[in-house]
Amino acid sequence: MKEKRRLVLLFGGQSAEHDVSCVSARHVLEAVDRSRFEVLPVGISRDGDWFLADATVDTLKSGDLPDRLEPSGSAWDPLPRLAELSSRGPIVVFPLLHGPLGEDGTVQGLLELVGVPYVGTGVLGSALAMDKVAAKEILRGHGIPQARYKGLHVDELGPSESDARAALLTNLLTELGPHVFVKPANLGSSIGVIKATDTPSLESALEAASNYDEWLVVEEAVTGREIELAVLGDRIPQVSGPGEVRPGGEFYDYADKYEDGTAELIDDPDLDPEIVVRFQELAARAFTAVRCSGMARIDFFLPDDGRGPLLNEVNTIPGFTPISMYPRLWQKAGLSYPALIDRLVDVAVERHSRRRRNTNR
């Protein structure tokens, strides 16, 4: 009988997306094929403590897994434990961590040092995609159309009530307005995203976003449809059909995604076939441009003004909750949730083997 591969599932984390990661982990744990994998759930608390979360699996069986993760098992030092597990047999790590200190290349760098295969994009691609300013600049260099934007550091805001700040606010609304969205550059799940409609609200939005990150993005508010595609693979990625998000509120914010459930998610939107092909082509180009691997959800706008698809964001660790578009789109394409996890692991192992050949490791 073929030896089971150990699947180390990392979840929780120190970012503002801690709760989202826990919800995603709950459903991945439910879907994993236990005949193929021996699962080791490893939690990371909000304070950065790593621990073996066996109790999480037991709680899952009772159907009462909490969304918030607190240390409950023995401490788990990743460097020696992963090295030990790797020496004992086949292993792959699934870092289901959203946001900074998980999705931004930091954990991926640790896994590279240990020399174990892991699901998802590597160090460079993770860091690029996490930083919206850097990602937009890379995508612009590859000629991929995007909404108009401006990236800035909090130092550029200038002192409150200064002439420099007033000029900056006026220029941003003149160049990108009349309405704009302000986002922290290194965060997801729409946390810290605020719409601004005038100078006072723009100043307030910039101040709020600066609580999450020192780099900020200001984008034009695009009126149109929100389209998402799922990408799977490595050097030659597969792209799913499109899905459409119809927000329950003014835009698809955190509450709409994870709390209220008022957004409408459509996995067979009414789109012209030529537009669908265009979306898929741009999604594949974005995936390779940002050096993604394994998985990514690529988000687009389809503006009402006829400009055609505009790329919004590249998400290298998309949500795996019941309403998350990434697994849903692959299920629509005929790839079940367990089969999707299997495929992600296979891609991770194949990429790791190739990189070992390239580095003589």
Protein backbone atom coordinates (compact mmCIF):
# COMPACT_ATOMS: atom_id res chain seq x y z
CA MET A 1 0.00 0.00 0.00
CA LYS A 2 1.35 3.41 -0.96
CA GLU A 3 2.61 5.47 1.98
CA LYS A 4 0.39 8.38 2.96
CA ARG A 5 1.85 11.83 2.48
CA ARG A 6 1.82 14.07 5.53
CA LEU A 7 -0.11 17.27 4.86
CA VAL A 8 0.78 20.04 7.31
CA LEU A 9 -2.05 22.57 7.27
CA LEU A 10 -1.00 25.98 8.60
CA PHE A 11 -3.81 28.32 9.61
CA GLY A 12 -4.66 31.26 11.85
CA GLY A 13 -1.82 33.76 11.75
CA GLN A 14 -1.10 37.26 13.00
CA SER A 15 -2.80 39.32 10.31
CA ALA A 16 -6.21 40.98 10.42
CA GLU A 17 -7.40 38.06 8.27
CA HIS A 18 -6.85 35.53 11.08
CA ASP A 19 -10.54 34.63 11.32
CA VAL A 20 -10.89 34.12 7.57
CA SER A 21 -7.98 31.69 7.65
CA CYS A 22 -9.62 29.67 10.41
CA VAL A 23 -12.89 29.42 8.51
CA SER A 24 -11.04 28.34 5.36
CA ALA A 25 -9.09 25.73 7.33
CA ARG A 26 -12.25 24.25 8.77
CA HIS A 27 -13.56 23.39 5.32
CA VAL A 28 -10.22 22.18 3.93
CA LEU A 29 -9.97 19.80 6.89
CA GLU A 30 -13.43 18.50 6.07
CA ALA A 31 -12.58 17.94 2.41
CA VAL A 32 -9.10 16.37 2.58
CA ASP A 33 -8.91 12.78 1.34
CA ARG A 34 -7.79 10.96 4.50
CA SER A 35 -6.97 7.83 2.51
CA ARG A 36 -4.23 9.79 0.76
CA PHE A 37 -3.07 12.20 3.47
CA GLU A 38 -2.16 12.14 7.11
CA VAL A 39 -3.18 15.63 8.18
CA LEU A 40 -1.26 17.61 10.80
CA PRO A 41 -3.15 20.81 11.63
CA VAL A 42 -0.80 23.48 12.94
CA GLY A 43 -2.30 26.65 14.33
CA ILE A 44 -0.65 30.05 14.58
CA SER A 45 -2.13 32.30 17.23
CA ARG A 46 -2.61 36.04 16.91
CA ASP A 47 0.55 36.44 19.00
CA GLY A 48 2.56 34.27 16.61
CA ASP A 49 2.68 31.10 18.68
CA TRP A 50 2.80 27.88 16.62
CA PHE A 51 1.13 24.83 18.13
CA LEU A 52 -0.10 21.40 17.12
CA ALA A 53 -3.85 21.80 16.79
CA ASP A 54 -5.04 18.21 17.11
CA ALA A 55 -7.93 19.42 19.22
CA THR A 56 -9.10 21.40 16.20
CA VAL A 57 -9.74 18.17 14.29
CA ASP A 58 -11.59 16.67 17.25
CA THR A 59 -13.72 19.80 17.51
CA LEU A 60 -14.36 19.68 13.78
CA LYS A 61 -15.85 16.21 14.14
CA SER A 62 -18.32 17.62 16.65
CA GLY A 63 -19.33 20.27 14.14
CA ASP A 64 -18.40 23.12 16.47
CA LEU A 65 -15.01 24.38 15.28
CA PRO A 66 -14.57 27.97 16.50
CA ASP A 67 -13.71 30.65 13.98
CA ARG A 68 -11.15 32.17 16.32
CA LEU A 69 -7.95 30.27 17.06
CA GLU A 70 -6.23 30.31 20.44
CA PRO A 71 -3.29 28.13 21.57
CA SER A 72 -4.65 24.80 22.74
CA GLY A 73 -2.01 22.14 21.96
CA SER A 74 1.71 21.60 22.43
CA ALA A 75 4.15 24.17 21.04
CA TRP A 76 5.33 23.40 17.51
CA ASP A 77 8.67 24.88 16.44
CA PRO A 78 8.46 24.84 12.61
CA LEU A 79 12.14 24.54 11.68
CA PRO A 80 13.08 21.39 13.62
CA ARG A 81 9.64 19.80 13.34
CA LEU A 82 9.39 20.19 9.57
CA ALA A 83 12.94 18.94 9.10
CA GLU A 84 12.14 15.92 11.26
CA LEU A 85 8.92 15.15 9.40
CA SER A 86 10.67 15.50 6.05
CA SER A 87 13.31 12.98 7.10
CA ARG A 88 10.62 10.44 8.01
CA GLY A 89 8.70 10.42 4.72
CA PRO A 90 6.86 12.45 2.07
CA ILE A 91 5.47 15.76 3.30
CA VAL A 92 3.83 18.85 1.87
CA VAL A 93 2.79 22.04 3.66
CA PHE A 94 -0.44 23.88 2.89
CA PRO A 95 -0.03 27.45 4.22
CA LEU A 96 -3.66 28.51 4.35
CA LEU A 97 -2.70 31.88 5.80
CA HIS A 98 -4.25 35.07 4.50
CA GLY A 99 -2.55 38.45 4.66
CA PRO A 100 0.83 39.55 6.05
CA LEU A 101 3.11 37.02 7.78
CA GLY A 102 1.57 34.20 5.78
CA GLU A 103 0.62 35.20 2.26
CA ASP A 104 3.43 37.70 1.68
CA GLY A 105 6.42 35.39 1.20
CA THR A 106 7.55 35.26 4.84
CA VAL A 107 6.27 31.76 5.62
CA GLN A 108 7.18 30.66 2.09
CA GLY A 109 10.78 31.72 2.79
CA LEU A 110 10.82 29.64 5.95
CA LEU A 111 9.57 26.61 4.01
CA GLU A 112 12.24 27.15 1.35
CA LEU A 113 14.92 27.15 4.05
CA VAL A 114 13.64 23.87 5.44
CA GLY A 115 13.45 22.47 1.91
CA VAL A 116 9.91 21.08 1.98
CA PRO A 117 7.30 21.33 -0.80
CA TYR A 118 4.39 23.66 -0.12
CA VAL A 119 1.13 24.58 -1.81
CA GLY A 120 0.95 27.90 -3.56
CA THR A 121 3.15 30.65 -4.88
CA GLY A 122 6.81 31.06 -3.92
CA VAL A 123 8.61 33.84 -2.09
CA LEU A 124 8.85 36.38 -4.89
CA GLY A 125 5.36 35.93 -6.31
CA SER A 126 3.78 35.94 -2.86
CA ALA A 127 5.53 39.17 -1.91
CA LEU A 128 4.65 40.85 -5.19
CA ALA A 129 0.99 39.86 -5.17
CA MET A 130 0.54 40.80 -1.51
CA ASP A 131 1.80 44.33 -2.11
CA LYS A 132 -0.86 45.93 -4.31
CA VAL A 133 1.45 48.78 -5.33
CA ALA A 134 4.23 46.43 -6.47
CA ALA A 135 1.76 44.08 -8.19
CA LYS A 136 0.14 46.90 -10.11
CA GLU A 137 3.50 48.14 -11.31
CA ILE A 138 4.50 44.65 -12.51
CA LEU A 139 1.15 44.15 -14.25
CA ARG A 140 1.39 47.56 -15.89
CA GLY A 141 4.82 46.59 -17.20
CA HIS A 142 3.23 43.52 -18.82
CA GLY A 143 0.58 45.64 -20.51
CA ILE A 144 -2.34 44.26 -18.50
CA PRO A 145 -5.15 46.85 -18.29
CA GLN A 146 -6.07 48.14 -14.84
CA ALA A 147 -8.14 50.87 -13.25
CA ARG A 148 -6.36 54.17 -12.77
CA TYR A 149 -4.50 54.23 -9.44
CA LYS A 150 -1.90 55.96 -7.33
CA GLY A 151 0.37 54.26 -4.81
CA LEU A 152 1.76 56.32 -1.96
CA HIS A 153 3.56 56.04 1.36
CA VAL A 154 2.00 57.48 4.51
CA ASP A 155 4.89 59.95 4.74
CA GLU A 156 3.54 61.57 1.57
CA LEU A 157 0.35 62.58 3.36
CA GLY A 158 2.14 65.38 5.16
CA PRO A 159 1.03 66.92 8.45
CA SER A 160 -2.69 67.26 9.14
CA GLU A 161 -4.19 70.51 7.81
CA SER A 162 -0.98 71.31 5.92
CA ASP A 163 -0.91 72.78 2.42
CA ALA A 164 0.93 69.66 1.21
CA ARG A 165 -1.86 67.36 2.40
CA ALA A 166 -4.58 69.57 0.96
CA ALA A 167 -2.80 69.63 -2.42
CA LEU A 168 -2.36 65.84 -2.38
CA LEU A 169 -6.05 65.23 -1.65
CA THR A 170 -7.12 67.63 -4.38
CA ASN A 171 -4.75 66.10 -6.92
CA LEU A 172 -5.88 62.54 -6.15
CA LEU A 173 -9.54 63.39 -6.70
CA THR A 174 -8.71 65.36 -9.83
CA GLU A 175 -6.65 62.54 -11.36
CA LEU A 176 -8.69 59.54 -10.18
CA GLY A 177 -12.06 60.88 -9.02
CA PRO A 178 -14.61 62.05 -8.51
CA HIS A 179 -15.01 58.91 -6.37
CA VAL A 180 -12.12 56.68 -5.28
CA PHE A 181 -11.34 53.64 -3.16
CA VAL A 182 -8.54 53.68 -0.59
CA LYS A 183 -6.85 50.38 0.33
CA PRO A 184 -3.94 49.27 2.51
CA ALA A 185 -1.38 47.89 0.05
CA ASN A 186 -0.68 44.70 2.03
CA LEU A 187 -3.99 43.30 3.16
CA GLY A 188 -6.94 41.40 1.71
CA SER A 189 -10.55 40.42 2.39
CA SER A 190 -11.48 44.09 1.82
CA ILE A 191 -10.19 44.94 5.30
CA GLY A 192 -9.44 48.65 5.54
CA VAL A 193 -11.00 49.40 2.13
CA ILE A 194 -13.04 52.61 2.15
CA LYS A 195 -14.82 54.55 -0.57
CA ALA A 196 -14.22 58.31 -0.64
CA THR A 197 -16.43 60.82 -2.39
CA ASP A 198 -14.86 64.15 -1.42
CA THR A 199 -11.81 65.66 0.24
CA PRO A 200 -12.86 65.09 3.88
CA SER A 201 -13.85 61.46 3.28
CA LEU A 202 -10.64 60.84 1.31
CA GLU A 203 -8.53 62.20 4.16
CA SER A 204 -10.44 60.04 6.64
CA ALA A 205 -10.04 56.95 4.43
CA LEU A 206 -6.29 57.49 4.09
CA GLU A 207 -5.92 57.85 7.83
CA ALA A 208 -7.94 54.67 8.45
CA ALA A 209 -6.00 52.63 5.88
CA SER A 210 -2.70 53.80 7.36
CA ASN A 211 -3.60 51.91 10.55
CA TYR A 212 -3.06 48.69 8.59
CA ASP A 213 -0.10 49.52 6.36
CA GLU A 214 2.40 52.26 5.58
CA TRP A 215 1.83 51.82 1.84
CA LEU A 216 -1.57 52.77 0.45
CA VAL A 217 -3.39 52.51 -2.87
CA VAL A 218 -5.93 55.00 -4.16
CA GLU A 219 -7.96 53.77 -7.15
CA GLU A 220 -10.68 55.18 -9.30
CA ALA A 221 -14.11 53.85 -8.39
CA VAL A 222 -15.12 51.74 -11.40
CA THR A 223 -18.81 51.42 -12.16
CA GLY A 224 -19.47 48.01 -13.65
CA ARG A 225 -19.46 44.29 -12.95
CA GLU A 226 -17.04 42.37 -10.71
CA ILE A 227 -15.71 39.20 -12.35
CA GLU A 228 -13.43 36.58 -10.77
CA LEU A 229 -11.52 33.65 -12.25
CA ALA A 230 -9.66 30.79 -10.61
CA VAL A 231 -6.22 29.74 -11.85
CA LEU A 232 -4.59 26.38 -11.10
CA GLY A 233 -1.19 24.99 -12.08
CA ASP A 234 2.34 26.21 -12.56
CA ARG A 235 4.17 27.20 -15.74
CA ILE A 236 1.19 26.38 -17.96
CA PRO A 237 -1.81 27.28 -15.79
CA GLN A 238 -5.42 26.26 -16.22
CA VAL A 239 -8.05 28.98 -15.94
CA SER A 240 -11.64 28.37 -14.86
CA GLY A 241 -14.71 29.94 -16.28
CA PRO A 242 -15.72 33.30 -14.80
CA GLY A 243 -17.78 33.99 -11.73
CA GLU A 244 -19.55 37.23 -10.89
CA VAL A 245 -19.91 38.98 -7.55
CA ARG A 246 -22.94 41.18 -6.99
CA PRO A 247 -22.34 42.98 -3.69
CA GLY A 248 -25.13 43.30 -1.18
CA GLY A 249 -23.94 46.79 -0.31
CA GLU A 250 -22.20 49.59 -2.15
CA PHE A 251 -19.14 47.38 -2.68
CA TYR A 252 -17.93 43.88 -1.79
CA ASP A 253 -16.62 44.57 1.73
CA TYR A 254 -15.57 42.29 4.60
CA ALA A 255 -19.07 42.02 6.08
CA ASP A 256 -20.49 41.16 2.66
CA LYS A 257 -17.91 38.40 2.22
CA TYR A 258 -17.89 36.75 5.62
CA GLU A 259 -20.61 38.05 7.94
CA ASP A 260 -23.87 39.15 6.31
CA GLY A 261 -23.93 36.75 3.38
CA THR A 262 -25.86 39.29 1.33
CA ALA A 263 -23.60 39.22 -1.72
CA GLU A 264 -24.80 37.22 -4.71
CA LEU A 265 -22.14 34.91 -6.15
CA ILE A 266 -22.89 33.69 -9.67
CA ASP A 267 -20.80 30.88 -11.17
CA ASP A 268 -22.36 31.10 -14.64
CA PRO A 269 -22.63 34.84 -15.39
CA ASP A 270 -24.16 36.05 -18.64
CA LEU A 271 -21.08 37.10 -20.60
CA ASP A 272 -20.25 37.14 -24.28
CA PRO A 273 -17.95 34.18 -25.13
CA GLU A 274 -15.35 36.53 -26.60
CA ILE A 275 -15.22 38.48 -23.33
CA VAL A 276 -14.84 35.23 -21.40
CA VAL A 277 -11.83 34.27 -23.53
CA ARG A 278 -10.37 37.74 -22.93
CA PHE A 279 -10.79 37.35 -19.18
CA GLN A 280 -9.12 33.94 -19.25
CA GLU A 281 -6.22 35.17 -21.35
CA LEU A 282 -5.59 38.12 -19.01
CA ALA A 283 -5.87 35.90 -15.94
CA ALA A 284 -3.24 33.50 -17.29
CA ARG A 285 -0.95 36.39 -18.21
CA ALA A 286 -1.32 37.96 -14.77
CA PHE A 287 -0.65 34.61 -13.07
CA THR A 288 2.67 34.16 -14.88
CA ALA A 289 3.63 37.86 -14.73
CA VAL A 290 3.48 37.91 -10.94
CA ARG A 291 5.28 34.51 -10.75
CA CYS A 292 2.31 32.69 -9.26
CA SER A 293 2.21 28.93 -8.79
CA GLY A 294 -0.35 26.46 -7.57
CA MET A 295 -3.37 28.69 -7.17
CA ALA A 296 -4.61 32.22 -7.52
CA ARG A 297 -7.91 34.00 -7.81
CA ILE A 298 -7.73 36.85 -10.31
CA ASP A 299 -10.28 39.63 -9.83
CA PHE A 300 -11.46 41.95 -12.60
CA PHE A 301 -13.82 44.80 -13.29
CA LEU A 302 -15.94 44.95 -16.42
CA PRO A 303 -16.68 48.69 -16.62
CA ASP A 304 -19.96 50.05 -17.91
CA ASP A 305 -18.04 52.60 -19.99
CA GLY A 306 -16.91 49.94 -22.47
CA ARG A 307 -13.19 49.94 -21.65
CA GLY A 308 -13.17 46.15 -21.44
CA PRO A 309 -11.78 43.99 -18.62
CA LEU A 310 -9.64 45.77 -16.02
CA LEU A 311 -7.59 43.66 -13.62
CA ASN A 312 -8.24 44.48 -9.98
CA GLU A 313 -6.17 42.11 -7.82
CA VAL A 314 -4.21 38.84 -7.79
CA ASN A 315 -4.89 36.73 -4.69
CA THR A 316 -2.33 33.95 -4.16
CA ILE A 317 -4.12 32.32 -1.19
CA PRO A 318 -7.82 32.73 -1.97
CA GLY A 319 -10.49 31.91 0.57
CA PHE A 320 -11.66 28.30 0.90
CA THR A 321 -14.89 29.01 2.78
CA PRO A 322 -18.23 27.58 1.57
CA ILE A 323 -19.01 30.77 -0.36
CA SER A 324 -15.47 31.36 -1.66
CA MET A 325 -15.31 31.71 -5.41
CA TYR A 326 -12.06 29.80 -5.93
CA PRO A 327 -13.22 26.27 -4.99
CA ARG A 328 -16.69 27.04 -6.26
CA LEU A 329 -15.48 27.83 -9.78
CA TRP A 330 -13.45 24.63 -9.96
CA GLN A 331 -16.42 22.62 -8.75
CA LYS A 332 -18.43 24.24 -11.55
CA ALA A 333 -15.70 23.05 -13.96
CA GLY A 334 -16.03 19.49 -12.66
CA LEU A 335 -13.16 19.43 -10.14
CA SER A 336 -14.45 18.47 -6.70
CA TYR A 337 -13.18 20.08 -3.51
CA PRO A 338 -11.11 16.98 -2.48
CA ALA A 339 -9.77 16.63 -6.03
CA LEU A 340 -8.78 20.31 -6.01
CA ILE A 341 -6.73 19.79 -2.85
CA ASP A 342 -5.12 16.72 -4.43
CA ARG A 343 -4.19 18.70 -7.51
CA LEU A 344 -2.73 21.57 -5.49
CA VAL A 345 -0.54 19.13 -3.58
CA ASP A 346 0.59 17.46 -6.82
CA VAL A 347 1.59 20.83 -8.29
CA ALA A 348 3.52 21.67 -5.10
CA VAL A 349 5.46 18.40 -5.22
CA GLU A 350 6.19 18.73 -8.95
CA ARG A 351 7.47 22.29 -8.55
CA HIS A 352 9.60 21.37 -5.54
CA SER A 353 11.20 18.49 -7.46
CA ARG A 354 11.98 20.77 -10.39
CA ARG A 355 13.52 23.44 -8.15
CA ARG A 356 15.67 20.84 -6.39
CA ARG A 357 17.10 19.83 -9.76
CA ASN A 358 17.84 23.45 -10.57
CA THR A 359 19.57 24.12 -7.26
CA ASN A 360 21.31 20.72 -6.84
CA ARG A 361 19.54 20.26 -3.51
